[in-house]
Amino acid sequence: MKIGITGASGQLGNHVIEQLKKRTDASNLVALVRNPAKIEGIEARAFDYEKPEELASALEGIETLLLISGNEIGSRARQHENVISAAEKAQVKRIVYTSILRADSSQISLAGEHLTTENRLKSSDLVYTILRNGWYTENYTASIPGALQGGAFIGSAADGKIASASRIDYAEAAAVVLTEEGHEAKTYELAGDHAYTLSEFAQEISRQSGKDIPYQNLAEKDFAQALKGFGIPDAFAEGLASWDVCASKGDLFDDGKMLSKLIGRPTTPYSVAIKEALA
């Protein structure tokens, strides 16, 4: 069975391939990437979401496809449509798609494009599984160096509970679903076992680093302005700030523990992710 992985050279895609290698022979895997030269150890084919005329031929012989959502916000629904249409042409049997937690009710601005893709999959003749991934803990651990330098961890999430998990947890879940039966027509809400507020996150940074790093909650516009000051592009900075506000309203919390059920172990605690980031 040939399994194709889009975005295979990305951070999540890399982890998925490593997890798949534990469950199936590497000869069964095909990396679908813009630059096949970046891939070693498995077959790689050129695959660009923006070149719909080339996608079907790249999917030839692939039975199961992992569609990792694109990273170009605002273009993703169209790009995913290109991939799904190509999969139908190439007679791919099944698509596993990485969506966002509670895409049908989330206030996070990213949810709309994911929901459009989910609905397109459901209306197709393809067998599908939807993985509604919650936040990556790495979204927050990436800010640790700046917090240590600035003396505070900043955000706009107030006391919102965030049930994040590490990328490797979500990657393992994808590998399980791609290689096991019984996940057809399922939509899984995936989140971490260990929810936290950003105040608790900052306390853990303080504990492990030996430095006093308080959490400073900012108004959305002030947080966005601070992010722009760090060199983050305007639109992305405003997005990050708005998503933090959504976290304050519960959009990043889920206690169903479906992710740990799928992978057969607890998800990576945020304390471990912080330890790895500090190392």
C-alpha atoms as a PDB file:
ATOM      1  CA  MET A   1       0.000   0.000   0.000  1.00  0.00           C
ATOM      2  CA  LYS A   2       1.509   3.312  -1.088  1.00  0.00           C
ATOM      3  CA  ILE A   3       1.019   6.173   1.379  1.00  0.00           C
ATOM      4  CA  GLY A   4       1.591   9.705   0.124  1.00  0.00           C
ATOM      5  CA  ILE A   5       2.462  12.503   2.553  1.00  0.00           C
ATOM      6  CA  THR A   6       2.036  16.114   1.412  1.00  0.00           C
ATOM      7  CA  GLY A   7       4.225  18.742   3.053  1.00  0.00           C
ATOM      8  CA  ALA A   8       6.602  15.929   3.980  1.00  0.00           C
ATOM      9  CA  SER A   9       9.598  18.236   4.409  1.00  0.00           C
ATOM     10  CA  GLY A  10       7.759  20.426   6.933  1.00  0.00           C
ATOM     11  CA  GLN A  11       7.962  20.172  10.717  1.00  0.00           C
ATOM     12  CA  LEU A  12       4.875  17.970  11.095  1.00  0.00           C
ATOM     13  CA  GLY A  13       5.546  16.019   7.886  1.00  0.00           C
ATOM     14  CA  ASN A  14       9.045  15.046   9.008  1.00  0.00           C
ATOM     15  CA  HIS A  15       7.672  13.615  12.248  1.00  0.00           C
ATOM     16  CA  VAL A  16       4.904  11.739  10.389  1.00  0.00           C
ATOM     17  CA  ILE A  17       7.431  10.022   8.131  1.00  0.00           C
ATOM     18  CA  GLU A  18       9.541   8.932  11.096  1.00  0.00           C
ATOM     19  CA  GLN A  19       6.451   7.533  12.810  1.00  0.00           C
ATOM     20  CA  LEU A  20       5.306   5.759   9.627  1.00  0.00           C
ATOM     21  CA  LYS A  21       8.706   4.094   9.243  1.00  0.00           C
ATOM     22  CA  LYS A  22       8.009   2.351  12.578  1.00  0.00           C
ATOM     23  CA  ARG A  23       4.756   0.931  11.206  1.00  0.00           C
ATOM     24  CA  THR A  24       5.428   0.125   7.549  1.00  0.00           C
ATOM     25  CA  ASP A  25       8.320  -0.391   5.166  1.00  0.00           C
ATOM     26  CA  ALA A  26       9.906   2.802   3.845  1.00  0.00           C
ATOM     27  CA  SER A  27       9.272   1.524   0.303  1.00  0.00           C
ATOM     28  CA  ASN A  28       5.542   2.106   0.936  1.00  0.00           C
ATOM     29  CA  LEU A  29       6.027   5.833   1.559  1.00  0.00           C
ATOM     30  CA  VAL A  30       6.029   8.697  -0.946  1.00  0.00           C
ATOM     31  CA  ALA A  31       6.983  12.228   0.079  1.00  0.00           C
ATOM     32  CA  LEU A  32       5.027  14.850  -1.889  1.00  0.00           C
ATOM     33  CA  VAL A  33       7.017  18.075  -1.705  1.00  0.00           C
ATOM     34  CA  ARG A  34       7.918  21.173  -3.681  1.00  0.00           C
ATOM     35  CA  ASN A  35      11.598  20.209  -3.631  1.00  0.00           C
ATOM     36  CA  PRO A  36      12.168  16.419  -3.760  1.00  0.00           C
ATOM     37  CA  ALA A  37      15.929  16.964  -3.283  1.00  0.00           C
ATOM     38  CA  LYS A  38      15.208  17.736   0.382  1.00  0.00           C
ATOM     39  CA  ILE A  39      14.001  14.178   1.030  1.00  0.00           C
ATOM     40  CA  GLU A  40      16.258  11.235   1.832  1.00  0.00           C
ATOM     41  CA  GLY A  41      15.440   7.590   2.475  1.00  0.00           C
ATOM     42  CA  ILE A  42      12.038   7.390   0.780  1.00  0.00           C
ATOM     43  CA  GLU A  43      10.621   8.075  -2.671  1.00  0.00           C
ATOM     44  CA  ALA A  44       9.939  11.773  -3.285  1.00  0.00           C
ATOM     45  CA  ARG A  45       7.820  13.412  -5.977  1.00  0.00           C
ATOM     46  CA  ALA A  46       7.406  17.074  -6.910  1.00  0.00           C
ATOM     47  CA  PHE A  47       4.093  18.337  -5.551  1.00  0.00           C
ATOM     48  CA  ASP A  48       3.016  21.978  -5.465  1.00  0.00           C
ATOM     49  CA  TYR A  49      -0.517  22.866  -4.313  1.00  0.00           C
ATOM     50  CA  GLU A  50      -0.413  25.807  -6.746  1.00  0.00           C
ATOM     51  CA  LYS A  51       0.189  23.600  -9.816  1.00  0.00           C
ATOM     52  CA  PRO A  52      -3.092  21.681 -10.109  1.00  0.00           C
ATOM     53  CA  GLU A  53      -2.293  20.409 -13.603  1.00  0.00           C
ATOM     54  CA  GLU A  54       0.658  18.386 -12.231  1.00  0.00           C
ATOM     55  CA  LEU A  55      -0.886  16.940  -9.069  1.00  0.00           C
ATOM     56  CA  ALA A  56      -2.846  13.956 -10.421  1.00  0.00           C
ATOM     57  CA  SER A  57       0.202  12.426 -12.120  1.00  0.00           C
ATOM     58  CA  ALA A  58       2.204  12.842  -8.893  1.00  0.00           C
ATOM     59  CA  LEU A  59      -0.491  10.874  -7.037  1.00  0.00           C
ATOM     60  CA  GLU A  60      -0.409   7.916  -9.410  1.00  0.00           C
ATOM     61  CA  GLY A  61      -0.318   4.601  -7.533  1.00  0.00           C
ATOM     62  CA  ILE A  62      -0.974   6.188  -4.133  1.00  0.00           C
ATOM     63  CA  GLU A  63      -3.810   4.517  -2.228  1.00  0.00           C
ATOM     64  CA  THR A  64      -3.828   6.583   0.965  1.00  0.00           C
ATOM     65  CA  LEU A  65      -2.973  10.274   1.094  1.00  0.00           C
ATOM     66  CA  LEU A  66      -2.152  12.407   4.104  1.00  0.00           C
ATOM     67  CA  LEU A  67      -3.134  15.974   3.223  1.00  0.00           C
ATOM     68  CA  ILE A  68      -1.256  18.185   5.652  1.00  0.00           C
ATOM     69  CA  SER A  69      -2.958  21.566   5.490  1.00  0.00           C
ATOM     70  CA  GLY A  70      -1.009  24.241   3.613  1.00  0.00           C
ATOM     71  CA  ASN A  71       0.620  27.133   5.439  1.00  0.00           C
ATOM     72  CA  GLU A  72      -0.529  29.965   3.169  1.00  0.00           C
ATOM     73  CA  ILE A  73      -3.434  31.415   5.129  1.00  0.00           C
ATOM     74  CA  GLY A  74      -6.156  32.663   2.796  1.00  0.00           C
ATOM     75  CA  SER A  75      -5.112  30.324  -0.041  1.00  0.00           C
ATOM     76  CA  ARG A  76      -5.597  27.021   1.699  1.00  0.00           C
ATOM     77  CA  ALA A  77      -9.188  26.188   0.768  1.00  0.00           C
ATOM     78  CA  ARG A  78      -8.332  26.626  -2.919  1.00  0.00           C
ATOM     79  CA  GLN A  79      -5.056  24.695  -2.591  1.00  0.00           C
ATOM     80  CA  HIS A  80      -6.745  21.825  -0.771  1.00  0.00           C
ATOM     81  CA  GLU A  81      -9.437  21.739  -3.454  1.00  0.00           C
ATOM     82  CA  ASN A  82      -6.654  21.293  -6.028  1.00  0.00           C
ATOM     83  CA  VAL A  83      -5.292  18.312  -4.106  1.00  0.00           C
ATOM     84  CA  ILE A  84      -8.675  16.665  -3.514  1.00  0.00           C
ATOM     85  CA  SER A  85      -9.663  17.033  -7.179  1.00  0.00           C
ATOM     86  CA  ALA A  86      -6.328  15.520  -8.211  1.00  0.00           C
ATOM     87  CA  ALA A  87      -6.828  12.641  -5.765  1.00  0.00           C
ATOM     88  CA  GLU A  88     -10.209  11.904  -7.315  1.00  0.00           C
ATOM     89  CA  LYS A  89      -8.645  11.873 -10.789  1.00  0.00           C
ATOM     90  CA  ALA A  90      -5.779   9.639  -9.659  1.00  0.00           C
ATOM     91  CA  GLN A  91      -8.226   7.259  -7.954  1.00  0.00           C
ATOM     92  CA  VAL A  92      -6.692   7.646  -4.523  1.00  0.00           C
ATOM     93  CA  LYS A  93      -8.797   5.564  -2.157  1.00  0.00           C
ATOM     94  CA  ARG A  94      -8.526   7.516   1.079  1.00  0.00           C
ATOM     95  CA  ILE A  95      -7.498  10.953   2.351  1.00  0.00           C
ATOM     96  CA  VAL A  96      -6.507  11.762   5.918  1.00  0.00           C
ATOM     97  CA  TYR A  97      -6.657  15.520   6.488  1.00  0.00           C
ATOM     98  CA  THR A  98      -5.156  17.669   9.260  1.00  0.00           C
ATOM     99  CA  SER A  99      -7.795  20.189  10.282  1.00  0.00           C
ATOM    100  CA  ILE A 100      -8.185  22.359  13.395  1.00  0.00           C
ATOM    101  CA  LEU A 101      -9.795  21.618  16.769  1.00  0.00           C
ATOM    102  CA  ARG A 102     -13.606  21.974  16.570  1.00  0.00           C
ATOM    103  CA  ALA A 103     -13.448  23.483  13.097  1.00  0.00           C
ATOM    104  CA  ASP A 104     -17.250  23.706  12.974  1.00  0.00           C
ATOM    105  CA  SER A 105     -17.567  25.911  16.072  1.00  0.00           C
ATOM    106  CA  SER A 106     -14.155  27.511  16.696  1.00  0.00           C
ATOM    107  CA  GLN A 107     -13.911  31.305  16.612  1.00  0.00           C
ATOM    108  CA  ILE A 108     -10.292  31.052  15.412  1.00  0.00           C
ATOM    109  CA  SER A 109      -9.999  32.718  12.012  1.00  0.00           C
ATOM    110  CA  LEU A 110      -8.189  29.675  10.594  1.00  0.00           C
ATOM    111  CA  ALA A 111     -11.235  27.454  11.084  1.00  0.00           C
ATOM    112  CA  GLY A 112     -13.186  28.610   8.024  1.00  0.00           C
ATOM    113  CA  GLU A 113     -10.748  27.280   5.443  1.00  0.00           C
ATOM    114  CA  HIS A 114     -10.448  23.996   7.312  1.00  0.00           C
ATOM    115  CA  LEU A 115     -14.219  23.585   7.459  1.00  0.00           C
ATOM    116  CA  THR A 116     -14.491  24.253   3.717  1.00  0.00           C
ATOM    117  CA  THR A 117     -11.966  21.468   3.109  1.00  0.00           C
ATOM    118  CA  GLU A 118     -13.735  19.096   5.496  1.00  0.00           C
ATOM    119  CA  ASN A 119     -17.048  19.656   3.703  1.00  0.00           C
ATOM    120  CA  ARG A 120     -15.410  19.114   0.321  1.00  0.00           C
ATOM    121  CA  LEU A 121     -14.014  15.779   1.524  1.00  0.00           C
ATOM    122  CA  LYS A 122     -17.375  14.704   2.907  1.00  0.00           C
ATOM    123  CA  SER A 123     -19.105  15.472  -0.397  1.00  0.00           C
ATOM    124  CA  SER A 124     -16.490  13.537  -2.417  1.00  0.00           C
ATOM    125  CA  ASP A 125     -16.466   9.822  -3.216  1.00  0.00           C
ATOM    126  CA  LEU A 126     -13.214   9.429  -1.287  1.00  0.00           C
ATOM    127  CA  VAL A 127     -12.950   7.591   2.010  1.00  0.00           C
ATOM    128  CA  TYR A 128     -11.791  10.210   4.524  1.00  0.00           C
ATOM    129  CA  THR A 129     -10.576  10.674   8.076  1.00  0.00           C
ATOM    130  CA  ILE A 130     -10.355  14.163   9.594  1.00  0.00           C
ATOM    131  CA  LEU A 131      -7.787  14.874  12.285  1.00  0.00           C
ATOM    132  CA  ARG A 132      -8.816  18.076  14.032  1.00  0.00           C
ATOM    133  CA  ASN A 133      -5.478  18.973  15.566  1.00  0.00           C
ATOM    134  CA  GLY A 134      -5.341  21.296  18.533  1.00  0.00           C
ATOM    135  CA  TRP A 135      -2.480  23.730  19.126  1.00  0.00           C
ATOM    136  CA  TYR A 136       1.119  22.591  18.967  1.00  0.00           C
ATOM    137  CA  THR A 137       2.942  23.191  22.271  1.00  0.00           C
ATOM    138  CA  GLU A 138       5.826  24.372  20.059  1.00  0.00           C
ATOM    139  CA  ASN A 139       3.683  27.405  19.154  1.00  0.00           C
ATOM    140  CA  TYR A 140       4.425  28.620  22.680  1.00  0.00           C
ATOM    141  CA  THR A 141       7.841  27.106  23.390  1.00  0.00           C
ATOM    142  CA  ALA A 142       9.132  29.071  20.360  1.00  0.00           C
ATOM    143  CA  SER A 143       8.601  32.218  22.449  1.00  0.00           C
ATOM    144  CA  ILE A 144      10.759  31.049  25.361  1.00  0.00           C
ATOM    145  CA  PRO A 145      14.045  32.648  24.178  1.00  0.00           C
ATOM    146  CA  GLY A 146      12.301  36.009  23.811  1.00  0.00           C
ATOM    147  CA  ALA A 147      10.651  35.616  27.209  1.00  0.00           C
ATOM    148  CA  LEU A 148      13.998  34.892  28.869  1.00  0.00           C
ATOM    149  CA  GLN A 149      15.544  37.895  27.157  1.00  0.00           C
ATOM    150  CA  GLY A 150      12.644  40.245  27.898  1.00  0.00           C
ATOM    151  CA  GLY A 151      11.919  38.990  31.415  1.00  0.00           C
ATOM    152  CA  ALA A 152       8.252  38.133  30.787  1.00  0.00           C
ATOM    153  CA  PHE A 153       6.069  35.777  28.761  1.00  0.00           C
ATOM    154  CA  ILE A 154       3.482  37.871  26.922  1.00  0.00           C
ATOM    155  CA  GLY A 155       0.171  36.979  25.325  1.00  0.00           C
ATOM    156  CA  SER A 156      -3.560  37.698  25.187  1.00  0.00           C
ATOM    157  CA  ALA A 157      -4.963  34.360  26.370  1.00  0.00           C
ATOM    158  CA  ALA A 158      -5.815  35.588  29.906  1.00  0.00           C
ATOM    159  CA  ASP A 159      -6.866  32.539  31.981  1.00  0.00           C
ATOM    160  CA  GLY A 160      -7.918  30.437  29.003  1.00  0.00           C
ATOM    161  CA  LYS A 161      -7.043  26.752  29.284  1.00  0.00           C
ATOM    162  CA  ILE A 162      -4.878  25.477  26.416  1.00  0.00           C
ATOM    163  CA  ALA A 163      -4.826  21.721  25.769  1.00  0.00           C
ATOM    164  CA  SER A 164      -1.875  21.609  23.409  1.00  0.00           C
ATOM    165  CA  ALA A 165       0.312  18.642  22.482  1.00  0.00           C
ATOM    166  CA  SER A 166       3.684  18.276  20.814  1.00  0.00           C
ATOM    167  CA  ARG A 167       3.996  17.851  17.055  1.00  0.00           C
ATOM    168  CA  ILE A 168       5.303  14.331  17.566  1.00  0.00           C
ATOM    169  CA  ASP A 169       2.036  13.402  19.340  1.00  0.00           C
ATOM    170  CA  TYR A 170      -0.076  14.581  16.403  1.00  0.00           C
ATOM    171  CA  ALA A 171       2.354  12.935  13.957  1.00  0.00           C
ATOM    172  CA  GLU A 172       2.018   9.607  15.748  1.00  0.00           C
ATOM    173  CA  ALA A 173      -1.778   9.870  15.600  1.00  0.00           C
ATOM    174  CA  ALA A 174      -1.599  10.503  11.851  1.00  0.00           C
ATOM    175  CA  ALA A 175       0.663   7.462  11.407  1.00  0.00           C
ATOM    176  CA  VAL A 176      -1.743   5.279  13.395  1.00  0.00           C
ATOM    177  CA  VAL A 177      -4.732   6.364  11.313  1.00  0.00           C
ATOM    178  CA  LEU A 178      -2.812   5.980   8.036  1.00  0.00           C
ATOM    179  CA  THR A 179      -1.758   2.404   8.776  1.00  0.00           C
ATOM    180  CA  GLU A 180      -4.747   0.987  10.665  1.00  0.00           C
ATOM    181  CA  GLU A 181      -8.279   0.173   9.632  1.00  0.00           C
ATOM    182  CA  GLY A 182     -11.436   1.365  11.360  1.00  0.00           C
ATOM    183  CA  HIS A 183     -10.964   5.134  10.998  1.00  0.00           C
ATOM    184  CA  GLU A 184     -13.107   5.582   7.892  1.00  0.00           C
ATOM    185  CA  ALA A 185     -15.524   8.564   7.903  1.00  0.00           C
ATOM    186  CA  LYS A 186     -14.332   9.538  11.393  1.00  0.00           C
ATOM    187  CA  THR A 187     -13.620  13.064  12.632  1.00  0.00           C
ATOM    188  CA  TYR A 188     -11.300  13.142  15.629  1.00  0.00           C
ATOM    189  CA  GLU A 189     -10.947  16.095  18.010  1.00  0.00           C
ATOM    190  CA  LEU A 190      -7.297  15.899  19.054  1.00  0.00           C
ATOM    191  CA  ALA A 191      -5.720  17.777  21.955  1.00  0.00           C
ATOM    192  CA  GLY A 192      -3.256  17.283  24.779  1.00  0.00           C
ATOM    193  CA  ASP A 193      -4.005  15.597  28.101  1.00  0.00           C
ATOM    194  CA  HIS A 194      -2.351  18.357  30.151  1.00  0.00           C
ATOM    195  CA  ALA A 195      -4.135  21.717  29.794  1.00  0.00           C
ATOM    196  CA  TYR A 196      -2.560  24.899  31.172  1.00  0.00           C
ATOM    197  CA  THR A 197      -2.985  28.646  31.254  1.00  0.00           C
ATOM    198  CA  LEU A 198      -0.190  30.868  29.974  1.00  0.00           C
ATOM    199  CA  SER A 199       0.395  31.929  33.598  1.00  0.00           C
ATOM    200  CA  GLU A 200       1.076  28.276  34.463  1.00  0.00           C
ATOM    201  CA  PHE A 201       3.233  27.962  31.357  1.00  0.00           C
ATOM    202  CA  ALA A 202       5.307  30.959  32.472  1.00  0.00           C
ATOM    203  CA  GLN A 203       5.580  29.532  36.004  1.00  0.00           C
ATOM    204  CA  GLU A 204       7.023  26.324  34.560  1.00  0.00           C
ATOM    205  CA  ILE A 205       9.544  28.293  32.489  1.00  0.00           C
ATOM    206  CA  SER A 206      10.525  30.123  35.682  1.00  0.00           C
ATOM    207  CA  ARG A 207      10.869  26.889  37.634  1.00  0.00           C
ATOM    208  CA  GLN A 208      13.042  25.202  35.031  1.00  0.00           C
ATOM    209  CA  SER A 209      15.169  28.203  34.057  1.00  0.00           C
ATOM    210  CA  GLY A 210      15.704  29.559  37.566  1.00  0.00           C
ATOM    211  CA  LYS A 211      14.644  33.007  36.345  1.00  0.00           C
ATOM    212  CA  ASP A 212      11.498  34.899  37.322  1.00  0.00           C
ATOM    213  CA  ILE A 213       9.437  34.965  34.107  1.00  0.00           C
ATOM    214  CA  PRO A 214       5.920  36.242  34.903  1.00  0.00           C
ATOM    215  CA  TYR A 215       3.060  36.065  32.422  1.00  0.00           C
ATOM    216  CA  GLN A 216       1.961  39.473  31.178  1.00  0.00           C
ATOM    217  CA  ASN A 217      -1.504  39.557  29.623  1.00  0.00           C
ATOM    218  CA  LEU A 218      -1.893  42.248  26.971  1.00  0.00           C
ATOM    219  CA  ALA A 219      -4.843  43.649  25.069  1.00  0.00           C
ATOM    220  CA  GLU A 220      -5.085  42.104  21.595  1.00  0.00           C
ATOM    221  CA  LYS A 221      -3.880  45.234  19.788  1.00  0.00           C
ATOM    222  CA  ASP A 222      -0.964  45.674  22.205  1.00  0.00           C
ATOM    223  CA  PHE A 223       0.138  42.055  21.812  1.00  0.00           C
ATOM    224  CA  ALA A 224      -0.063  42.368  18.023  1.00  0.00           C
ATOM    225  CA  GLN A 225       2.008  45.555  18.184  1.00  0.00           C
ATOM    226  CA  ALA A 226       4.628  43.839  20.348  1.00  0.00           C
ATOM    227  CA  LEU A 227       4.854  40.921  17.895  1.00  0.00           C
ATOM    228  CA  LYS A 228       5.322  43.342  15.002  1.00  0.00           C
ATOM    229  CA  GLY A 229       8.133  44.916  16.997  1.00  0.00           C
ATOM    230  CA  PHE A 230       9.824  41.501  17.058  1.00  0.00           C
ATOM    231  CA  GLY A 231       9.791  41.476  13.249  1.00  0.00           C
ATOM    232  CA  ILE A 232       6.723  39.289  12.732  1.00  0.00           C
ATOM    233  CA  PRO A 233       4.792  40.342   9.575  1.00  0.00           C
ATOM    234  CA  ASP A 234       1.759  42.510  10.328  1.00  0.00           C
ATOM    235  CA  ALA A 235      -0.991  40.114   9.202  1.00  0.00           C
ATOM    236  CA  PHE A 236       0.546  37.135  11.026  1.00  0.00           C
ATOM    237  CA  ALA A 237       1.136  39.174  14.198  1.00  0.00           C
ATOM    238  CA  GLU A 238      -2.519  40.244  14.191  1.00  0.00           C
ATOM    239  CA  GLY A 239      -3.551  36.628  13.605  1.00  0.00           C
ATOM    240  CA  LEU A 240      -1.447  35.340  16.497  1.00  0.00           C
ATOM    241  CA  ALA A 241      -2.912  37.934  18.841  1.00  0.00           C
ATOM    242  CA  SER A 242      -6.480  37.151  17.778  1.00  0.00           C
ATOM    243  CA  TRP A 243      -5.916  33.402  18.233  1.00  0.00           C
ATOM    244  CA  ASP A 244      -4.677  34.038  21.758  1.00  0.00           C
ATOM    245  CA  VAL A 245      -7.902  35.937  22.478  1.00  0.00           C
ATOM    246  CA  CYS A 246      -9.813  32.917  21.132  1.00  0.00           C
ATOM    247  CA  ALA A 247      -7.817  30.764  23.564  1.00  0.00           C
ATOM    248  CA  SER A 248      -9.110  32.975  26.386  1.00  0.00           C
ATOM    249  CA  LYS A 249     -12.632  31.951  25.307  1.00  0.00           C
ATOM    250  CA  GLY A 250     -11.880  28.222  25.366  1.00  0.00           C
ATOM    251  CA  ASP A 251     -11.194  27.560  21.672  1.00  0.00           C
ATOM    252  CA  LEU A 252      -7.918  25.736  22.412  1.00  0.00           C
ATOM    253  CA  PHE A 253      -9.303  23.543  25.200  1.00  0.00           C
ATOM    254  CA  ASP A 254     -10.593  20.002  24.853  1.00  0.00           C
ATOM    255  CA  ASP A 255     -10.640  17.255  27.486  1.00  0.00           C
ATOM    256  CA  GLY A 256     -11.807  14.299  25.376  1.00  0.00           C
ATOM    257  CA  LYS A 257      -8.297  12.765  25.398  1.00  0.00           C
ATOM    258  CA  MET A 258      -8.881  11.264  21.946  1.00  0.00           C
ATOM    259  CA  LEU A 259      -5.281  11.963  20.960  1.00  0.00           C
ATOM    260  CA  SER A 260      -3.836   9.842  23.769  1.00  0.00           C
ATOM    261  CA  LYS A 261      -6.412   7.130  23.013  1.00  0.00           C
ATOM    262  CA  LEU A 262      -5.251   6.992  19.389  1.00  0.00           C
ATOM    263  CA  ILE A 263      -1.533   6.842  20.194  1.00  0.00           C
ATOM    264  CA  GLY A 264      -1.930   4.542  23.192  1.00  0.00           C
ATOM    265  CA  ARG A 265       0.041   6.714  25.606  1.00  0.00           C
ATOM    266  CA  PRO A 266      -0.309  10.062  27.399  1.00  0.00           C
ATOM    267  CA  THR A 267       0.505  13.106  25.294  1.00  0.00           C
ATOM    268  CA  THR A 268       3.769  14.964  25.929  1.00  0.00           C
ATOM    269  CA  PRO A 269       3.385  17.200  29.037  1.00  0.00           C
ATOM    270  CA  TYR A 270       4.101  20.885  28.452  1.00  0.00           C
ATOM    271  CA  SER A 271       6.791  20.662  31.146  1.00  0.00           C
ATOM    272  CA  VAL A 272       8.695  18.214  28.937  1.00  0.00           C
ATOM    273  CA  ALA A 273       8.292  20.457  25.881  1.00  0.00           C
ATOM    274  CA  ILE A 274       9.632  23.395  27.922  1.00  0.00           C
ATOM    275  CA  LYS A 275      12.575  21.307  29.103  1.00  0.00           C
ATOM    276  CA  GLU A 276      13.424  20.388  25.503  1.00  0.00           C
ATOM    277  CA  ALA A 277      13.147  24.018  24.411  1.00  0.00           C
ATOM    278  CA  LEU A 278      15.417  25.221  27.214  1.00  0.00           C
ATOM    279  CA  ALA A 279      17.983  22.532  26.330  1.00  0.00           C
END
